[in-house]
Protein backbone atom coordinates (compact mmCIF):
# COMPACT_ATOMS: atom_id res chain seq x y z
CA MET A 1 132.37 -10.02 50.27
CA LEU A 2 132.93 -8.97 46.66
CA CYS A 3 136.29 -7.41 47.55
CA LEU A 4 137.38 -10.63 49.26
CA LEU A 5 136.33 -12.64 46.19
CA LEU A 6 138.22 -10.29 43.89
CA CYS A 7 141.36 -10.51 46.04
CA LEU A 8 141.19 -14.30 46.03
CA CYS A 9 140.70 -14.33 42.25
CA LEU A 10 143.73 -12.11 41.72
CA TRP A 11 145.80 -14.20 44.11
CA ALA A 12 144.81 -17.46 42.36
CA GLY A 13 145.95 -16.18 38.94
CA ALA A 14 144.67 -17.53 35.63
CA VAL A 15 142.22 -20.40 35.89
CA PRO A 16 141.27 -22.66 32.98
CA ALA A 17 137.79 -21.88 31.70
CA GLN A 18 135.41 -24.33 33.33
CA PRO A 19 131.85 -23.98 34.57
CA VAL A 20 131.63 -23.33 38.28
CA PRO A 21 129.80 -26.19 40.00
CA GLY A 22 126.86 -25.21 42.13
CA PRO A 23 123.20 -25.73 42.81
CA HIS A 24 122.26 -23.65 39.74
CA LEU A 25 123.65 -26.29 37.36
CA ALA A 26 121.23 -29.06 36.41
CA GLN A 27 122.24 -32.41 37.85
CA ALA A 28 122.32 -35.50 35.64
CA GLY A 29 119.25 -37.56 36.30
CA SER A 30 117.21 -34.63 37.58
CA PRO A 31 113.52 -35.03 36.82
CA GLN A 32 112.19 -32.97 33.92
CA GLY A 33 110.75 -29.68 35.11
CA ALA A 34 112.79 -29.67 38.33
CA GLU A 35 113.32 -26.15 39.60
CA VAL A 36 116.75 -24.58 39.25
CA ALA A 37 118.09 -22.69 42.26
CA PRO A 38 118.68 -18.96 41.74
CA VAL A 39 122.23 -17.75 41.13
CA THR A 40 123.63 -15.22 43.60
CA LEU A 41 125.70 -12.25 42.47
CA ASP A 42 128.80 -13.80 44.06
CA GLU A 43 128.24 -17.07 42.16
CA ALA A 44 127.77 -15.19 38.89
CA VAL A 45 130.98 -13.18 39.47
CA ALA A 46 132.95 -16.36 40.20
CA GLN A 47 131.55 -18.04 37.08
CA VAL A 48 132.39 -15.09 34.82
CA GLN A 49 135.91 -14.78 36.24
CA ALA A 50 136.58 -18.50 35.87
CA ARG A 51 135.20 -18.77 32.32
CA THR A 52 136.77 -15.60 30.90
CA GLY A 53 140.05 -15.52 32.83
CA GLY A 54 139.53 -11.76 33.00
CA ARG A 55 139.49 -9.30 35.88
CA VAL A 56 136.06 -8.36 37.23
CA LEU A 57 135.73 -4.58 37.36
CA SER A 58 132.18 -4.26 38.72
CA ALA A 59 129.07 -6.29 39.40
CA GLU A 60 125.47 -5.41 40.15
CA THR A 61 122.02 -6.94 40.09
CA LEU A 62 119.43 -5.20 37.91
CA GLU A 63 115.84 -5.78 36.89
CA GLU A 64 115.39 -5.85 33.11
CA GLU A 65 111.99 -6.51 31.58
CA GLY A 66 110.75 -7.99 34.86
CA GLN A 67 113.71 -10.38 35.20
CA ARG A 68 116.58 -10.16 37.70
CA VAL A 69 119.90 -10.02 35.87
CA HIS A 70 123.46 -9.83 37.20
CA ARG A 71 125.56 -7.41 35.10
CA ILE A 72 129.27 -8.09 35.42
CA ARG A 73 131.85 -5.85 33.76
CA VAL A 74 135.10 -7.72 33.11
CA LEU A 75 138.49 -6.70 31.69
CA LEU A 76 139.53 -9.46 29.30
CA GLN A 77 143.13 -10.55 28.74
CA ASP A 78 143.21 -8.71 25.39
CA GLN A 79 142.44 -5.47 27.32
CA ARG A 80 138.82 -5.23 26.07
CA VAL A 81 136.05 -4.51 28.57
CA ARG A 82 132.95 -6.67 28.24
CA ASP A 83 129.58 -6.47 30.00
CA ILE A 84 128.22 -9.94 30.69
CA ARG A 85 124.64 -10.44 31.81
CA VAL A 86 123.75 -13.56 33.80
CA ASP A 87 120.11 -14.49 34.35
CA ALA A 88 119.75 -14.62 38.14
CA ALA A 89 117.06 -17.32 37.93
CA THR A 90 118.87 -19.79 35.65
CA GLY A 91 122.55 -18.82 35.47
CA GLN A 92 122.34 -18.54 31.66
CA TRP A 93 124.57 -15.92 30.03
CA GLN A 94 122.72 -13.37 27.92
């Protein structure tokens, strides 16, 4: 699945940086304290690729300090490699 996503991302080319819509984003008018749906690894990869415009090199889900975190390694357009951590519960970048 990840390979298919990567192929599609490469085929699509550069995409303007925009948040990826999904159930993990809070909806306007949601009641306070409403639960946020967890973010899958595939959703986190798509979000990182869309927002950075870089090429995703690897992605994995880890447990850090009792929290599930998606670690995505991305090659940025300026040829730097960056590790981005996405909280699997909230979708927040760390």
